[in-house]
Amino acid sequence: MTLVDAARQWIHSLLLALLWGGGAVVLVGMVSAAPRFLATGIYVLRPRPSRPSPESHRAVVRRRVIQRDHDRIKDEYGRLRIDPFRGDELAVLDDLTVPEAVALVQALAAAGDAAETTDPPTYEKAVLHLAKAWRQAQARAAKTEPQPLPDRPLEPRARTTEAGVPSNRRRPRPPIPKEQTCR
């Protein structure tokens, strides 16, 4: 065997190894890519849905408008609840002896419940009722006179008993557990 024959055998062995190795890599690549190709083929062959009817588009837009009104009223009421300078209005709306405040709370609850349903007319009626109750509650809160602050400064008062005598007793504390000795 000559040096040339040895080189030819070595090249032939190298080419066979590369062919088998390359074939294995291609086979693994094809097996791993097969699901993607199948999914693409299924997606291409899938029937396309027809365009939505204009009625359903109008219904979606109407639902969004109603939902925006509902969110607007909830946001306004939430801003009122956290505004420290509108305490008089909040006092009126938190007083459940005021019929407008009760109607507002009930309308908020009804609109929240109706928002979770799939019946658009029910949600629309609930939000319209909420808007009406909100306007009436705002009108009632605007009618109330702001309460003036007291003229005299507030002084801290000592705790007293029912007879008006200052209490010498402190609040009782729980007993401290005694140490137990091990025998």
C-alpha atoms as a PDB file:
ATOM      1  CA  MET A   1       0.000   0.000   0.000  1.00  0.00           C
ATOM      2  CA  THR A   2       1.426   3.239  -1.062  1.00  0.00           C
ATOM      3  CA  LEU A   3       1.104   6.589   0.509  1.00  0.00           C
ATOM      4  CA  VAL A   4      -1.342   7.674  -2.178  1.00  0.00           C
ATOM      5  CA  ASP A   5      -3.603   4.681  -1.523  1.00  0.00           C
ATOM      6  CA  ALA A   6      -3.526   5.388   2.214  1.00  0.00           C
ATOM      7  CA  ALA A   7      -4.505   9.014   1.599  1.00  0.00           C
ATOM      8  CA  ARG A   8      -7.356   7.919  -0.665  1.00  0.00           C
ATOM      9  CA  GLN A   9      -8.664   5.525   1.980  1.00  0.00           C
ATOM     10  CA  TRP A  10      -8.414   8.184   4.645  1.00  0.00           C
ATOM     11  CA  ILE A  11     -10.302  10.713   2.476  1.00  0.00           C
ATOM     12  CA  HIS A  12     -12.900   8.087   1.626  1.00  0.00           C
ATOM     13  CA  SER A  13     -13.406   7.278   5.336  1.00  0.00           C
ATOM     14  CA  LEU A  14     -13.659  10.985   6.135  1.00  0.00           C
ATOM     15  CA  LEU A  15     -16.254  11.525   3.418  1.00  0.00           C
ATOM     16  CA  LEU A  16     -18.314   8.556   4.632  1.00  0.00           C
ATOM     17  CA  ALA A  17     -18.183   9.855   8.240  1.00  0.00           C
ATOM     18  CA  LEU A  18     -19.218  13.320   7.145  1.00  0.00           C
ATOM     19  CA  LEU A  19     -22.009  11.894   4.999  1.00  0.00           C
ATOM     20  CA  TRP A  20     -23.386   9.748   7.820  1.00  0.00           C
ATOM     21  CA  GLY A  21     -22.946  12.532  10.394  1.00  0.00           C
ATOM     22  CA  GLY A  22     -24.491  15.095   8.093  1.00  0.00           C
ATOM     23  CA  GLY A  23     -27.327  12.726   7.324  1.00  0.00           C
ATOM     24  CA  ALA A  24     -27.976  12.255  11.039  1.00  0.00           C
ATOM     25  CA  VAL A  25     -27.990  16.023  11.610  1.00  0.00           C
ATOM     26  CA  VAL A  26     -30.390  16.531   8.701  1.00  0.00           C
ATOM     27  CA  LEU A  27     -32.623  13.742   9.991  1.00  0.00           C
ATOM     28  CA  VAL A  28     -32.749  15.266  13.497  1.00  0.00           C
ATOM     29  CA  GLY A  29     -33.461  18.677  12.004  1.00  0.00           C
ATOM     30  CA  MET A  30     -36.303  17.331   9.895  1.00  0.00           C
ATOM     31  CA  VAL A  31     -37.864  15.473  12.814  1.00  0.00           C
ATOM     32  CA  SER A  32     -37.703  18.547  15.042  1.00  0.00           C
ATOM     33  CA  ALA A  33     -39.072  20.848  12.327  1.00  0.00           C
ATOM     34  CA  ALA A  34     -41.880  18.507  11.228  1.00  0.00           C
ATOM     35  CA  PRO A  35     -44.478  19.761  13.755  1.00  0.00           C
ATOM     36  CA  ARG A  36     -43.866  23.335  12.678  1.00  0.00           C
ATOM     37  CA  PHE A  37     -44.293  22.469   9.005  1.00  0.00           C
ATOM     38  CA  LEU A  38     -47.440  20.471   9.743  1.00  0.00           C
ATOM     39  CA  ALA A  39     -48.883  23.345  11.770  1.00  0.00           C
ATOM     40  CA  THR A  40     -48.134  25.762   8.945  1.00  0.00           C
ATOM     41  CA  GLY A  41     -49.835  23.464   6.473  1.00  0.00           C
ATOM     42  CA  ILE A  42     -52.888  23.123   8.692  1.00  0.00           C
ATOM     43  CA  TYR A  43     -53.030  26.885   9.215  1.00  0.00           C
ATOM     44  CA  VAL A  44     -52.875  27.516   5.461  1.00  0.00           C
ATOM     45  CA  LEU A  45     -55.618  24.970   4.748  1.00  0.00           C
ATOM     46  CA  ARG A  46     -57.870  26.138   7.586  1.00  0.00           C
ATOM     47  CA  PRO A  47     -61.040  27.908   6.407  1.00  0.00           C
ATOM     48  CA  ARG A  48     -60.998  31.602   7.185  1.00  0.00           C
ATOM     49  CA  PRO A  49     -63.872  33.094   9.165  1.00  0.00           C
ATOM     50  CA  SER A  50     -66.032  35.541   7.317  1.00  0.00           C
ATOM     51  CA  ARG A  51     -65.983  39.222   8.220  1.00  0.00           C
ATOM     52  CA  PRO A  52     -68.089  40.105  11.243  1.00  0.00           C
ATOM     53  CA  SER A  53     -71.446  41.565  10.480  1.00  0.00           C
ATOM     54  CA  PRO A  54     -71.870  45.316  10.960  1.00  0.00           C
ATOM     55  CA  GLU A  55     -74.485  44.656  13.669  1.00  0.00           C
ATOM     56  CA  SER A  56     -71.957  42.901  15.874  1.00  0.00           C
ATOM     57  CA  HIS A  57     -69.451  45.718  15.313  1.00  0.00           C
ATOM     58  CA  ARG A  58     -72.027  48.273  16.433  1.00  0.00           C
ATOM     59  CA  ALA A  59     -72.823  46.147  19.471  1.00  0.00           C
ATOM     60  CA  VAL A  60     -69.153  46.042  20.436  1.00  0.00           C
ATOM     61  CA  VAL A  61     -68.795  49.801  20.049  1.00  0.00           C
ATOM     62  CA  ARG A  62     -71.969  50.348  22.085  1.00  0.00           C
ATOM     63  CA  ARG A  63     -70.698  48.056  24.852  1.00  0.00           C
ATOM     64  CA  ARG A  64     -67.412  49.981  24.948  1.00  0.00           C
ATOM     65  CA  VAL A  65     -69.227  53.315  25.234  1.00  0.00           C
ATOM     66  CA  ILE A  66     -71.394  51.988  28.063  1.00  0.00           C
ATOM     67  CA  GLN A  67     -68.357  50.526  29.797  1.00  0.00           C
ATOM     68  CA  ARG A  68     -66.508  53.847  29.437  1.00  0.00           C
ATOM     69  CA  ASP A  69     -69.431  55.674  31.095  1.00  0.00           C
ATOM     70  CA  HIS A  70     -69.477  53.127  33.907  1.00  0.00           C
ATOM     71  CA  ASP A  71     -65.721  53.507  34.445  1.00  0.00           C
ATOM     72  CA  ARG A  72     -65.988  57.314  34.341  1.00  0.00           C
ATOM     73  CA  ILE A  73     -68.596  57.366  37.109  1.00  0.00           C
ATOM     74  CA  LYS A  74     -66.620  54.900  39.232  1.00  0.00           C
ATOM     75  CA  ASP A  75     -63.475  57.013  38.774  1.00  0.00           C
ATOM     76  CA  GLU A  76     -65.263  60.246  39.717  1.00  0.00           C
ATOM     77  CA  TYR A  77     -66.722  58.620  42.814  1.00  0.00           C
ATOM     78  CA  GLY A  78     -63.305  57.203  43.708  1.00  0.00           C
ATOM     79  CA  ARG A  79     -61.641  60.617  43.308  1.00  0.00           C
ATOM     80  CA  LEU A  80     -64.335  62.109  45.547  1.00  0.00           C
ATOM     81  CA  ARG A  81     -63.637  59.501  48.211  1.00  0.00           C
ATOM     82  CA  ILE A  82     -59.906  60.282  48.350  1.00  0.00           C
ATOM     83  CA  ASP A  83     -60.095  64.080  48.017  1.00  0.00           C
ATOM     84  CA  PRO A  84     -59.545  65.593  51.474  1.00  0.00           C
ATOM     85  CA  PHE A  85     -61.028  68.952  50.452  1.00  0.00           C
ATOM     86  CA  ARG A  86     -64.420  67.536  49.486  1.00  0.00           C
ATOM     87  CA  GLY A  87     -65.268  66.103  52.892  1.00  0.00           C
ATOM     88  CA  ASP A  88     -68.694  67.769  53.048  1.00  0.00           C
ATOM     89  CA  GLU A  89     -69.802  66.172  49.785  1.00  0.00           C
ATOM     90  CA  LEU A  90     -68.455  62.834  50.919  1.00  0.00           C
ATOM     91  CA  ALA A  91     -70.239  63.132  54.254  1.00  0.00           C
ATOM     92  CA  VAL A  92     -73.531  63.487  52.407  1.00  0.00           C
ATOM     93  CA  LEU A  93     -72.793  60.581  50.063  1.00  0.00           C
ATOM     94  CA  ASP A  94     -71.664  58.322  52.913  1.00  0.00           C
ATOM     95  CA  ASP A  95     -74.777  59.020  54.996  1.00  0.00           C
ATOM     96  CA  LEU A  96     -77.106  56.110  54.309  1.00  0.00           C
ATOM     97  CA  THR A  97     -80.099  58.017  55.646  1.00  0.00           C
ATOM     98  CA  VAL A  98     -79.924  60.194  52.526  1.00  0.00           C
ATOM     99  CA  PRO A  99     -82.042  58.546  49.800  1.00  0.00           C
ATOM    100  CA  GLU A 100     -79.738  59.730  47.006  1.00  0.00           C
ATOM    101  CA  ALA A 101     -76.734  58.096  48.684  1.00  0.00           C
ATOM    102  CA  VAL A 102     -78.600  54.805  49.078  1.00  0.00           C
ATOM    103  CA  ALA A 103     -79.711  54.935  45.435  1.00  0.00           C
ATOM    104  CA  LEU A 104     -76.108  55.594  44.343  1.00  0.00           C
ATOM    105  CA  VAL A 105     -74.717  52.650  46.318  1.00  0.00           C
ATOM    106  CA  GLN A 106     -77.424  50.347  44.973  1.00  0.00           C
ATOM    107  CA  ALA A 107     -76.883  51.569  41.407  1.00  0.00           C
ATOM    108  CA  LEU A 108     -73.111  51.041  41.706  1.00  0.00           C
ATOM    109  CA  ALA A 109     -73.674  47.480  42.891  1.00  0.00           C
ATOM    110  CA  ALA A 110     -76.252  46.756  40.179  1.00  0.00           C
ATOM    111  CA  ALA A 111     -73.998  48.133  37.425  1.00  0.00           C
ATOM    112  CA  GLY A 112     -71.057  46.106  38.732  1.00  0.00           C
ATOM    113  CA  ASP A 113     -73.161  42.942  38.683  1.00  0.00           C
ATOM    114  CA  ALA A 114     -74.557  43.715  35.233  1.00  0.00           C
ATOM    115  CA  ALA A 115     -71.050  44.310  33.856  1.00  0.00           C
ATOM    116  CA  GLU A 116     -70.261  40.654  34.492  1.00  0.00           C
ATOM    117  CA  THR A 117     -73.253  39.413  32.500  1.00  0.00           C
ATOM    118  CA  THR A 118     -73.355  38.865  28.762  1.00  0.00           C
ATOM    119  CA  ASP A 119     -76.718  40.593  28.363  1.00  0.00           C
ATOM    120  CA  PRO A 120     -76.024  44.049  26.853  1.00  0.00           C
ATOM    121  CA  PRO A 121     -79.494  45.566  27.486  1.00  0.00           C
ATOM    122  CA  THR A 122     -79.274  44.742  31.193  1.00  0.00           C
ATOM    123  CA  TYR A 123     -75.851  46.365  31.468  1.00  0.00           C
ATOM    124  CA  GLU A 124     -77.001  49.400  29.528  1.00  0.00           C
ATOM    125  CA  LYS A 125     -80.049  49.891  31.771  1.00  0.00           C
ATOM    126  CA  ALA A 126     -77.930  49.489  34.893  1.00  0.00           C
ATOM    127  CA  VAL A 127     -75.368  52.072  33.716  1.00  0.00           C
ATOM    128  CA  LEU A 128     -78.113  54.525  32.735  1.00  0.00           C
ATOM    129  CA  HIS A 129     -79.657  54.079  36.184  1.00  0.00           C
ATOM    130  CA  LEU A 130     -76.193  54.601  37.725  1.00  0.00           C
ATOM    131  CA  ALA A 131     -75.669  57.811  35.739  1.00  0.00           C
ATOM    132  CA  LYS A 132     -79.034  59.133  36.910  1.00  0.00           C
ATOM    133  CA  ALA A 133     -78.311  58.214  40.540  1.00  0.00           C
ATOM    134  CA  TRP A 134     -74.853  59.827  40.276  1.00  0.00           C
ATOM    135  CA  ARG A 135     -76.319  63.097  38.958  1.00  0.00           C
ATOM    136  CA  GLN A 136     -78.918  63.148  41.734  1.00  0.00           C
ATOM    137  CA  ALA A 137     -76.301  62.408  44.392  1.00  0.00           C
ATOM    138  CA  GLN A 138     -74.056  65.182  43.066  1.00  0.00           C
ATOM    139  CA  ALA A 139     -76.989  67.604  43.103  1.00  0.00           C
ATOM    140  CA  ARG A 140     -77.810  66.630  46.694  1.00  0.00           C
ATOM    141  CA  ALA A 141     -74.177  67.025  47.747  1.00  0.00           C
ATOM    142  CA  ALA A 142     -74.021  70.449  46.081  1.00  0.00           C
ATOM    143  CA  LYS A 143     -77.138  71.592  47.990  1.00  0.00           C
ATOM    144  CA  THR A 144     -75.635  70.913  51.395  1.00  0.00           C
ATOM    145  CA  GLU A 145     -73.992  73.769  53.212  1.00  0.00           C
ATOM    146  CA  PRO A 146     -70.375  73.289  54.219  1.00  0.00           C
ATOM    147  CA  GLN A 147     -70.058  72.764  57.974  1.00  0.00           C
ATOM    148  CA  PRO A 148     -68.089  75.604  59.604  1.00  0.00           C
ATOM    149  CA  LEU A 149     -65.091  74.741  61.706  1.00  0.00           C
ATOM    150  CA  PRO A 150     -65.481  75.395  65.440  1.00  0.00           C
ATOM    151  CA  ASP A 151     -64.187  78.790  66.584  1.00  0.00           C
ATOM    152  CA  ARG A 152     -62.571  77.518  69.741  1.00  0.00           C
ATOM    153  CA  PRO A 153     -59.417  75.443  69.537  1.00  0.00           C
ATOM    154  CA  LEU A 154     -59.812  71.820  70.345  1.00  0.00           C
ATOM    155  CA  GLU A 155     -58.155  70.890  73.640  1.00  0.00           C
ATOM    156  CA  PRO A 156     -57.184  67.385  74.518  1.00  0.00           C
ATOM    157  CA  ARG A 157     -59.506  66.053  77.173  1.00  0.00           C
ATOM    158  CA  ALA A 158     -58.609  63.607  79.860  1.00  0.00           C
ATOM    159  CA  ARG A 159     -60.444  60.321  79.888  1.00  0.00           C
ATOM    160  CA  THR A 160     -63.228  60.389  82.377  1.00  0.00           C
ATOM    161  CA  THR A 161     -65.556  57.940  83.975  1.00  0.00           C
ATOM    162  CA  GLU A 162     -69.303  58.215  83.646  1.00  0.00           C
ATOM    163  CA  ALA A 163     -69.499  60.556  86.624  1.00  0.00           C
ATOM    164  CA  GLY A 164     -67.066  62.975  85.028  1.00  0.00           C
ATOM    165  CA  VAL A 165     -64.137  62.118  87.318  1.00  0.00           C
ATOM    166  CA  PRO A 166     -60.804  61.464  85.602  1.00  0.00           C
ATOM    167  CA  SER A 167     -59.914  57.816  85.558  1.00  0.00           C
ATOM    168  CA  ASN A 168     -56.844  56.743  87.538  1.00  0.00           C
ATOM    169  CA  ARG A 169     -56.984  53.222  86.215  1.00  0.00           C
ATOM    170  CA  ARG A 170     -54.822  52.137  83.409  1.00  0.00           C
ATOM    171  CA  ARG A 171     -55.804  49.534  80.936  1.00  0.00           C
ATOM    172  CA  PRO A 172     -55.051  46.118  82.409  1.00  0.00           C
ATOM    173  CA  ARG A 173     -52.197  44.241  80.854  1.00  0.00           C
ATOM    174  CA  PRO A 174     -52.072  40.513  80.415  1.00  0.00           C
ATOM    175  CA  PRO A 175     -50.150  38.726  83.143  1.00  0.00           C
ATOM    176  CA  ILE A 176     -46.527  37.901  82.486  1.00  0.00           C
ATOM    177  CA  PRO A 177     -46.046  34.151  82.435  1.00  0.00           C
ATOM    178  CA  LYS A 178     -43.882  32.815  85.236  1.00  0.00           C
ATOM    179  CA  GLU A 179     -40.737  30.956  84.457  1.00  0.00           C
ATOM    180  CA  GLN A 180     -41.000  27.261  84.872  1.00  0.00           C
ATOM    181  CA  THR A 181     -38.057  25.385  86.177  1.00  0.00           C
ATOM    182  CA  CYS A 182     -37.066  22.021  84.853  1.00  0.00           C
ATOM    183  CA  ARG A 183     -36.479  19.299  87.410  1.00  0.00           C
END
